[in-house]
Amino acid sequence: MGAAARGKTGEDQLMATAIKMDIAAQQGFASKATADAYVAKARSLRAFFQKEAPEAEKRRSPTPAVHKVLNDEGLLRLLLPQRLGGAGLSPTDFCRVQMEIAKGDPAVSWVMQIINGTSWITSLAPDSVQDAVFGNGPQPVCGAYNPPGKARKVDGGWIINGKWPYMSGSRQSNWAQQGVVLEGYDGPVVPGINMCYLPMASMTIEDTWFVSGMQGTGSDTAIARDVFIPEGQMVLMDERAGQIDRTKRHFGAPSDLLPAVPVVRTTGIAQLIGAVEAMLEIVTAESSKKPVLTTFITPRTNSGAYMRDLGEAAAMIDTAKLILFDLTGKLDRIGMGEDFTLDEKARHRASGAQMIELIHGASESLMFQAGSSAFALDKPINRYWRDVSMATRHIQNIPTIGYEIYGRNTAGADGISPPGAY
């Protein structure tokens, strides 16, 4: 490539960056005052969510009182851009809210994260989808893509059939974003799968959520039987859904520039940090009251071993938070026009894996410190531990996958996953 050509390429890159930053500047993320107010609100609701959590576990879904608060306080549209009636929080500020919500009930924060994340991803879809879903104001959207349903083309639209388990927040949502393959397709399910948008009222919910952790999320199975949707509510995998498309009418917020998977992954991990912080508070409060059984040591604050383990767990949580806000800081800057290279994406994925190991390690250590009584089902720490134990096993959180992606990228080896998946 000649010098003139290289210069032209450089100019094009600078121009593209300038355009992206100019677009983002039209409508920035929510102000610090707005974000701080949501963080304060989340903190003020902690006792309420803690009180409702046992009943939510029995129902295996958020209680009506929690449902009302989530709607009344606007907590299900925090990531949605302001143009669609959302708060337009940055990834960093949304994580700050999530951490506080999780200290009250991780299951509530999980529902919030799923609905906020899926609603925001819907805001990246073509204009026809945004018009259908948000035409009458902000709407909560949940969704699932695997195992996929089936879509059959008919005049004017599609016929959808499917059965999607693990639909967290299904009872708090008005719409669903569902993964589908076209009839006759038998290949692998990969990121970029076709997505259809269905009113929740067009589906039935089968009560299938019987699990040991995150019981209060209502992650049941949604079933569609011969549901017709118009053409404009289907996004095929070869279309520009989730990509930067300046030709859309609904475009211009910083969140329109954000990558879907890293945002969903980091905001999902944030709530686990909040949950483990709550566990740390419980163990710390008990350390000045409880003895070390089978020894002469009382209270535990007089035990070097206990204080060493407590300090290590606290340091692990602190380190996870440092990593989290480094990652979300990068996402915030992407929203304002900064590029996101393939190397940075791979590092981002591995850093998520590192956070998961720190969170898991801290939670297990804290349960050893809390002792066998902490495994009683009526102990709040038991609920936090079960929720964290389950959530760390989510496919986006499996550390070995994240480390392999980063290792392969570092060594220049063949990838195991498309870049859009990490």
Protein backbone atom coordinates (compact mmCIF):
# COMPACT_ATOMS: atom_id res chain seq x y z
CA MET A 1 0.00 0.00 0.00
CA GLY A 2 1.40 3.39 -0.99
CA ALA A 3 1.89 6.33 1.37
CA ALA A 4 -1.07 8.17 -0.13
CA ALA A 5 -3.31 5.16 0.37
CA ARG A 6 -2.13 4.69 3.94
CA GLY A 7 -2.75 8.36 4.62
CA LYS A 8 -6.23 8.10 3.17
CA THR A 9 -6.97 5.07 5.38
CA GLY A 10 -5.79 6.99 8.44
CA GLU A 11 -7.95 9.95 7.51
CA ASP A 12 -10.95 7.65 7.03
CA GLN A 13 -10.42 6.14 10.47
CA LEU A 14 -10.14 9.55 12.09
CA MET A 15 -13.26 10.71 10.28
CA ALA A 16 -15.19 7.61 11.33
CA THR A 17 -14.17 8.13 14.95
CA ALA A 18 -15.13 11.80 14.77
CA ILE A 19 -18.54 10.92 13.35
CA LYS A 20 -19.15 8.36 16.09
CA MET A 21 -18.16 10.82 18.81
CA ASP A 22 -20.31 13.53 17.25
CA ILE A 23 -23.31 11.18 17.18
CA ALA A 24 -22.74 10.15 20.79
CA ALA A 25 -22.42 13.78 21.85
CA GLN A 26 -25.94 14.44 20.59
CA GLN A 27 -27.26 12.59 23.61
CA GLY A 28 -24.78 11.52 26.27
CA PHE A 29 -25.26 8.98 29.02
CA ALA A 30 -27.38 10.05 31.98
CA SER A 31 -25.85 12.72 34.21
CA LYS A 32 -23.97 11.90 37.39
CA ALA A 33 -26.81 13.39 39.44
CA THR A 34 -29.34 11.10 37.74
CA ALA A 35 -27.13 8.04 38.18
CA ASP A 36 -26.39 8.86 41.82
CA ALA A 37 -30.11 9.19 42.49
CA TYR A 38 -30.74 5.68 41.13
CA VAL A 39 -27.87 4.30 43.22
CA ALA A 40 -29.33 5.96 46.31
CA LYS A 41 -32.77 4.58 45.48
CA ALA A 42 -31.34 1.08 45.09
CA ARG A 43 -29.59 1.40 48.43
CA SER A 44 -32.79 2.58 50.11
CA LEU A 45 -34.66 -0.49 48.80
CA ARG A 46 -32.21 -3.00 50.25
CA ALA A 47 -34.23 -3.79 53.39
CA PHE A 48 -37.42 -4.10 51.34
CA PHE A 49 -35.88 -6.60 48.92
CA GLN A 50 -34.37 -8.57 51.79
CA LYS A 51 -37.78 -8.78 53.45
CA GLU A 52 -39.50 -9.96 50.23
CA ALA A 53 -36.81 -12.48 49.27
CA PRO A 54 -38.06 -15.50 51.29
CA GLU A 55 -41.54 -15.21 49.79
CA ALA A 56 -40.05 -14.76 46.31
CA GLU A 57 -38.12 -18.01 46.76
CA LYS A 58 -41.33 -19.83 47.69
CA ARG A 59 -43.10 -18.37 44.65
CA ARG A 60 -39.97 -18.89 42.53
CA SER A 61 -40.63 -15.44 41.06
CA PRO A 62 -40.55 -11.82 42.26
CA THR A 63 -43.44 -10.96 44.56
CA PRO A 64 -46.20 -8.59 43.42
CA ALA A 65 -44.79 -5.93 45.73
CA VAL A 66 -41.34 -6.21 44.14
CA HIS A 67 -42.90 -6.22 40.67
CA LYS A 68 -44.67 -2.96 41.49
CA VAL A 69 -41.55 -1.28 42.84
CA LEU A 70 -39.46 -2.28 39.82
CA ASN A 71 -42.02 -0.65 37.54
CA ASP A 72 -42.85 2.37 39.69
CA GLU A 73 -39.19 3.29 40.22
CA GLY A 74 -38.21 2.83 36.56
CA LEU A 75 -35.68 0.13 37.44
CA LEU A 76 -36.48 -1.95 34.36
CA ARG A 77 -35.50 0.76 31.86
CA LEU A 78 -32.18 1.99 33.21
CA LEU A 79 -30.12 0.95 30.15
CA LEU A 80 -32.75 1.93 27.61
CA PRO A 81 -31.73 5.13 25.77
CA GLN A 82 -33.49 8.35 26.67
CA ARG A 83 -35.04 8.60 23.20
CA LEU A 84 -37.18 5.57 24.08
CA GLY A 85 -38.11 6.77 27.56
CA GLY A 86 -35.26 5.07 29.40
CA ALA A 87 -32.78 6.48 31.89
CA GLY A 88 -29.81 6.04 29.56
CA LEU A 89 -27.36 5.03 32.29
CA SER A 90 -23.80 4.21 31.33
CA PRO A 91 -22.58 0.64 31.87
CA THR A 92 -20.58 1.83 34.89
CA ASP A 93 -23.55 3.53 36.52
CA PHE A 94 -25.85 0.61 35.81
CA CYS A 95 -23.34 -1.69 37.53
CA ARG A 96 -23.33 0.62 40.55
CA VAL A 97 -27.11 0.26 40.80
CA GLN A 98 -26.98 -3.50 40.28
CA MET A 99 -24.49 -4.01 43.09
CA GLU A 100 -26.78 -2.25 45.55
CA ILE A 101 -29.88 -4.14 44.41
CA ALA A 102 -28.04 -7.46 44.80
CA LYS A 103 -27.21 -6.67 48.40
CA GLY A 104 -30.93 -6.87 49.02
CA ASP A 105 -31.74 -9.82 46.77
CA PRO A 106 -29.53 -11.20 43.98
CA ALA A 107 -32.60 -12.70 42.29
CA VAL A 108 -34.13 -9.24 41.90
CA SER A 109 -30.90 -7.88 40.47
CA TRP A 110 -30.79 -10.84 38.06
CA VAL A 111 -34.28 -10.05 36.78
CA MET A 112 -33.33 -6.39 36.48
CA GLN A 113 -30.17 -7.21 34.56
CA ILE A 114 -31.93 -9.56 32.14
CA ILE A 115 -34.77 -7.16 31.39
CA ASN A 116 -32.57 -4.07 31.20
CA GLY A 117 -30.06 -5.86 28.99
CA THR A 118 -32.63 -7.39 26.64
CA SER A 119 -34.61 -4.16 26.40
CA TRP A 120 -31.41 -2.30 25.52
CA ILE A 121 -30.44 -4.91 22.90
CA THR A 122 -33.91 -4.44 21.41
CA SER A 123 -33.05 -0.75 21.06
CA LEU A 124 -30.21 -1.81 18.73
CA ALA A 125 -32.64 -3.59 16.40
CA PRO A 126 -34.00 -2.18 13.11
CA ASP A 127 -36.52 0.64 13.21
CA SER A 128 -39.42 -1.72 12.55
CA VAL A 129 -38.69 -3.64 15.75
CA GLN A 130 -38.22 -0.50 17.81
CA ASP A 131 -41.48 0.91 16.46
CA ALA A 132 -43.36 -2.30 17.32
CA VAL A 133 -41.93 -2.77 20.81
CA PHE A 134 -41.48 0.81 22.00
CA GLY A 135 -44.11 2.58 19.93
CA ASN A 136 -46.22 3.23 23.04
CA GLY A 137 -43.35 4.00 25.38
CA PRO A 138 -40.66 1.98 27.17
CA GLN A 139 -41.48 -1.69 27.57
CA PRO A 140 -39.74 -4.43 29.57
CA VAL A 141 -38.32 -7.14 27.31
CA CYS A 142 -36.95 -10.53 28.34
CA GLY A 143 -35.72 -13.31 26.11
CA ALA A 144 -33.82 -16.49 25.37
CA TYR A 145 -32.13 -17.88 22.28
CA ASN A 146 -31.13 -21.45 23.09
CA PRO A 147 -32.59 -23.92 22.39
CA PRO A 148 -34.00 -21.98 19.46
CA GLY A 149 -37.56 -22.02 18.21
CA LYS A 150 -38.59 -22.42 14.57
CA ALA A 151 -39.81 -19.76 12.15
CA ARG A 152 -41.81 -20.46 8.98
CA LYS A 153 -42.19 -17.76 6.31
CA VAL A 154 -45.75 -16.87 5.31
CA ASP A 155 -47.32 -13.94 3.48
CA GLY A 156 -46.69 -10.75 5.45
CA GLY A 157 -44.65 -12.32 8.21
CA TRP A 158 -43.67 -15.45 10.07
CA ILE A 159 -45.24 -18.29 12.05
CA ILE A 160 -43.28 -18.94 15.24
CA ASN A 161 -43.18 -22.15 17.26
CA GLY A 162 -40.86 -22.76 20.14
CA LYS A 163 -40.24 -23.64 23.74
CA TRP A 164 -37.68 -21.47 25.53
CA PRO A 165 -36.59 -22.34 29.09
CA TYR A 166 -34.75 -20.07 31.53
CA MET A 167 -36.84 -17.00 30.69
CA SER A 168 -35.79 -14.86 33.65
CA GLY A 169 -38.19 -12.00 34.30
CA SER A 170 -40.87 -13.54 32.09
CA ARG A 171 -43.63 -12.39 34.43
CA GLN A 172 -42.28 -8.84 34.56
CA SER A 173 -42.01 -8.41 30.78
CA ASN A 174 -44.41 -7.34 28.07
CA TRP A 175 -42.28 -8.51 25.14
CA ALA A 176 -39.82 -11.30 24.45
CA GLN A 177 -36.79 -11.49 22.18
CA GLN A 178 -36.59 -15.14 21.11
CA GLY A 179 -33.95 -16.97 19.14
CA VAL A 180 -35.22 -18.95 16.17
CA VAL A 181 -33.86 -20.93 13.26
CA LEU A 182 -35.68 -21.16 9.96
CA GLU A 183 -37.61 -24.37 9.36
CA GLY A 184 -35.38 -27.00 7.82
CA TYR A 185 -32.18 -25.66 9.45
CA ASP A 186 -30.23 -28.20 11.52
CA GLY A 187 -26.88 -26.45 11.96
CA PRO A 188 -25.20 -25.09 15.08
CA VAL A 189 -26.69 -22.31 17.17
CA VAL A 190 -24.26 -19.41 17.12
CA PRO A 191 -24.27 -15.72 18.07
CA GLY A 192 -26.09 -13.83 15.37
CA ILE A 193 -29.00 -16.26 15.39
CA ASN A 194 -32.30 -14.94 14.02
CA MET A 195 -34.31 -13.05 16.61
CA CYS A 196 -38.08 -12.63 16.61
CA TYR A 197 -40.02 -10.28 18.86
CA LEU A 198 -43.21 -11.62 20.42
CA PRO A 199 -45.70 -10.05 22.82
CA MET A 200 -45.61 -12.06 26.04
CA ALA A 201 -49.40 -12.26 25.80
CA SER A 202 -49.02 -14.41 22.67
CA MET A 203 -47.20 -17.12 24.62
CA THR A 204 -47.91 -19.32 27.59
CA ILE A 205 -45.57 -19.71 30.57
CA GLU A 206 -44.92 -23.22 31.86
CA ASP A 207 -43.90 -23.41 35.53
CA THR A 208 -40.54 -25.21 35.26
CA TRP A 209 -38.14 -23.25 37.46
CA PHE A 210 -37.20 -25.70 40.24
CA VAL A 211 -33.58 -25.00 41.14
CA SER A 212 -31.26 -24.52 44.13
CA GLY A 213 -30.12 -20.98 43.33
CA MET A 214 -31.69 -17.84 41.88
CA GLN A 215 -35.07 -19.34 42.78
CA GLY A 216 -36.78 -15.96 42.85
CA THR A 217 -36.11 -15.06 39.21
CA GLY A 218 -39.16 -16.71 37.64
CA SER A 219 -36.94 -18.22 34.95
CA ASP A 220 -39.69 -20.45 33.60
CA THR A 221 -40.37 -21.77 30.11
CA ALA A 222 -42.15 -19.66 27.48
CA ILE A 223 -44.04 -21.51 24.77
CA ALA A 224 -45.19 -20.19 21.38
CA ARG A 225 -47.60 -22.26 19.32
CA ASP A 226 -48.27 -21.05 15.77
CA VAL A 227 -47.83 -17.38 16.71
CA PHE A 228 -47.94 -15.02 13.73
CA ILE A 229 -45.68 -11.98 13.75
CA PRO A 230 -45.40 -9.29 11.05
CA GLU A 231 -42.31 -9.11 8.88
CA GLY A 232 -41.00 -6.14 10.87
CA GLN A 233 -40.74 -8.16 14.10
CA MET A 234 -38.17 -10.59 12.72
CA VAL A 235 -34.44 -9.87 12.51
CA LEU A 236 -32.54 -12.37 10.38
CA MET A 237 -28.95 -13.12 11.29
CA ASP A 238 -27.63 -11.56 8.06
CA GLU A 239 -29.27 -8.21 8.83
CA ARG A 240 -27.67 -5.33 10.69
CA ALA A 241 -29.23 -5.98 14.09
CA GLY A 242 -26.86 -5.04 16.88
CA GLN A 243 -24.46 -3.34 14.49
CA ILE A 244 -23.76 0.35 14.15
CA ASP A 245 -26.24 1.48 11.53
CA ARG A 246 -26.53 5.25 11.12
CA THR A 247 -29.30 4.86 8.57
CA LYS A 248 -31.81 4.03 11.30
CA ARG A 249 -34.27 6.65 12.51
CA HIS A 250 -33.79 5.34 16.04
CA PHE A 251 -30.08 6.05 16.48
CA GLY A 252 -27.85 8.56 18.20
CA ALA A 253 -27.40 7.56 21.86
CA PRO A 254 -24.07 6.33 23.24
CA SER A 255 -25.66 2.95 23.94
CA ASP A 256 -26.16 2.50 20.18
CA LEU A 257 -22.37 2.13 19.89
CA LEU A 258 -21.92 -0.46 22.64
CA PRO A 259 -21.09 -4.14 22.01
CA ALA A 260 -23.89 -6.40 23.27
CA VAL A 261 -22.08 -9.36 24.81
CA PRO A 262 -19.44 -7.48 26.86
CA VAL A 263 -22.11 -5.16 28.28
CA VAL A 264 -24.40 -8.04 29.24
CA ARG A 265 -21.50 -10.00 30.73
CA THR A 266 -20.03 -7.20 32.85
CA THR A 267 -23.38 -5.95 34.14
CA GLY A 268 -24.26 -9.53 35.04
CA ILE A 269 -21.05 -9.98 37.03
CA ALA A 270 -21.53 -6.67 38.85
CA GLN A 271 -24.52 -7.99 40.74
CA LEU A 272 -22.52 -11.00 41.93
CA ILE A 273 -19.97 -8.66 43.44
CA GLY A 274 -22.78 -6.91 45.32
CA ALA A 275 -24.10 -10.25 46.59
CA VAL A 276 -20.69 -11.32 47.90
CA GLU A 277 -20.24 -7.92 49.52
CA ALA A 278 -23.45 -8.64 51.43
CA MET A 279 -22.00 -11.98 52.53
CA LEU A 280 -18.85 -10.21 53.70
CA GLU A 281 -20.93 -7.80 55.78
CA ILE A 282 -22.71 -10.70 57.50
CA VAL A 283 -19.49 -12.56 58.33
CA THR A 284 -17.78 -9.36 59.50
CA ALA A 285 -20.65 -8.49 61.82
CA GLU A 286 -20.56 -11.98 63.35
CA SER A 287 -16.80 -11.98 63.86
CA SER A 288 -16.97 -9.77 66.96
CA LYS A 289 -19.69 -11.92 68.55
CA LYS A 290 -19.02 -15.57 67.81
CA PRO A 291 -16.28 -17.75 69.30
CA VAL A 292 -14.03 -20.14 67.44
CA LEU A 293 -15.61 -23.41 68.50
CA THR A 294 -13.35 -26.16 69.91
CA THR A 295 -10.75 -23.51 70.89
CA PHE A 296 -10.27 -21.03 73.73
CA ILE A 297 -10.55 -18.14 71.23
CA THR A 298 -13.46 -15.76 71.69
CA PRO A 299 -14.52 -13.76 69.80
CA ARG A 300 -13.30 -14.57 66.28
CA THR A 301 -11.65 -11.17 66.01
CA ASN A 302 -9.01 -12.62 68.36
CA SER A 303 -8.20 -15.37 65.86
CA GLY A 304 -5.33 -14.66 63.49
CA ALA A 305 -6.54 -17.40 61.16
CA TYR A 306 -10.07 -15.97 60.91
CA MET A 307 -8.85 -12.42 60.45
CA ARG A 308 -6.41 -13.54 57.75
CA ASP A 309 -9.17 -15.32 55.83
CA LEU A 310 -11.56 -12.39 56.26
CA GLY A 311 -8.94 -10.01 54.90
CA GLU A 312 -8.24 -12.24 51.94
CA ALA A 313 -11.94 -12.47 51.04
CA ALA A 314 -12.31 -8.71 51.31
CA ALA A 315 -9.25 -8.21 49.09
CA MET A 316 -10.65 -10.61 46.49
CA ILE A 317 -13.87 -8.59 46.35
CA ASP A 318 -11.92 -5.33 46.12
CA THR A 319 -9.88 -6.73 43.23
CA ALA A 320 -12.99 -7.90 41.41
CA LYS A 321 -14.43 -4.38 41.71
CA LEU A 322 -11.23 -2.84 40.36
CA ILE A 323 -11.40 -5.13 37.33
CA LEU A 324 -15.11 -4.48 36.85
CA PHE A 325 -14.83 -0.72 36.75
CA ASP A 326 -11.79 -0.90 34.48
CA LEU A 327 -13.89 -2.93 32.03
CA THR A 328 -16.99 -0.75 32.30
CA GLY A 329 -14.85 2.38 31.96
CA LYS A 330 -13.75 1.07 28.58
CA LEU A 331 -17.39 0.39 27.64
CA ASP A 332 -18.35 3.93 28.64
CA ARG A 333 -15.64 5.29 26.35
CA ILE A 334 -16.79 3.06 23.49
CA GLY A 335 -20.19 4.71 23.89
CA MET A 336 -18.49 8.04 23.33
CA GLY A 337 -16.73 6.87 20.18
CA GLU A 338 -13.61 4.97 21.26
CA ASP A 339 -12.73 1.86 19.24
CA PHE A 340 -12.84 -1.69 20.64
CA THR A 341 -10.12 -3.83 19.09
CA LEU A 342 -10.16 -7.61 18.81
CA ASP A 343 -7.28 -7.82 21.31
CA GLU A 344 -9.26 -5.69 23.76
CA LYS A 345 -12.33 -7.90 23.31
CA ALA A 346 -10.32 -11.01 24.13
CA ARG A 347 -8.78 -9.35 27.19
CA HIS A 348 -12.25 -8.19 28.26
CA ARG A 349 -13.48 -11.80 28.13
CA ALA A 350 -10.55 -13.09 30.19
CA SER A 351 -10.93 -10.30 32.75
CA GLY A 352 -14.53 -11.40 33.20
CA ALA A 353 -13.25 -14.92 33.91
CA GLN A 354 -10.85 -13.52 36.48
CA MET A 355 -13.67 -11.70 38.26
CA ILE A 356 -15.71 -14.89 38.41
CA GLU A 357 -12.84 -16.79 40.05
CA LEU A 358 -12.41 -14.01 42.61
CA ILE A 359 -16.13 -13.85 43.37
CA HIS A 360 -16.45 -17.62 43.65
CA GLY A 361 -13.34 -17.86 45.82
CA ALA A 362 -14.54 -15.13 48.17
CA SER A 363 -18.02 -16.65 48.53
CA GLU A 364 -16.65 -20.10 49.36
CA SER A 365 -14.18 -18.69 51.87
CA LEU A 366 -16.91 -16.68 53.57
CA MET A 367 -19.08 -19.78 53.94
CA PHE A 368 -16.19 -21.61 55.62
CA GLN A 369 -15.83 -18.66 57.98
CA ALA A 370 -19.57 -18.51 58.64
CA GLY A 371 -19.61 -22.20 59.56
CA SER A 372 -22.10 -25.00 59.12
CA SER A 373 -24.95 -22.97 60.64
CA ALA A 374 -24.78 -20.71 57.57
CA PHE A 375 -26.24 -23.56 55.50
CA ALA A 376 -29.58 -23.33 57.26
CA LEU A 377 -32.16 -22.33 54.68
CA ASP A 378 -33.50 -19.49 56.82
CA LYS A 379 -30.12 -17.75 56.94
CA PRO A 380 -29.80 -14.89 54.43
CA ILE A 381 -26.16 -15.75 53.76
CA ASN A 382 -27.28 -19.14 52.49
CA ARG A 383 -29.50 -17.51 49.87
CA TYR A 384 -26.69 -15.20 48.70
CA TRP A 385 -24.32 -18.16 48.48
CA ARG A 386 -26.75 -20.33 46.50
CA ASP A 387 -27.53 -17.47 44.10
CA VAL A 388 -23.85 -16.68 43.53
CA SER A 389 -22.97 -20.36 43.15
CA MET A 390 -25.54 -20.79 40.40
CA ALA A 391 -24.93 -17.50 38.59
CA THR A 392 -21.17 -18.02 38.34
CA ARG A 393 -21.95 -21.11 36.24
CA HIS A 394 -23.78 -19.15 33.55
CA ILE A 395 -22.26 -19.90 30.15
CA GLN A 396 -20.95 -16.33 29.81
CA ASN A 397 -19.12 -16.73 33.12
CA ILE A 398 -17.28 -20.05 32.65
CA PRO A 399 -13.64 -19.03 33.33
CA THR A 400 -11.96 -21.72 31.23
CA ILE A 401 -13.69 -20.50 28.06
CA GLY A 402 -12.67 -16.90 28.70
CA TYR A 403 -9.06 -17.83 29.37
CA GLU A 404 -8.84 -20.04 26.28
CA ILE A 405 -10.20 -17.25 24.09
CA TYR A 406 -7.56 -14.86 25.48
CA GLY A 407 -4.79 -17.44 25.22
CA ARG A 408 -5.59 -18.23 21.61
CA ASN A 409 -5.76 -14.55 20.74
CA THR A 410 -2.44 -13.92 22.48
CA ALA A 411 -0.74 -16.77 20.64
CA GLY A 412 -2.37 -16.06 17.30
CA ALA A 413 -4.03 -19.49 17.30
CA ASP A 414 -7.35 -20.33 15.67
CA GLY A 415 -10.36 -18.96 17.56
CA ILE A 416 -13.04 -21.12 19.17
CA SER A 417 -15.76 -18.48 19.09
CA PRO A 418 -16.76 -15.64 16.76
CA PRO A 419 -15.59 -12.22 18.04
CA GLY A 420 -19.21 -11.15 18.50
CA ALA A 421 -19.54 -13.79 21.21
CA TYR A 422 -16.88 -12.23 23.41
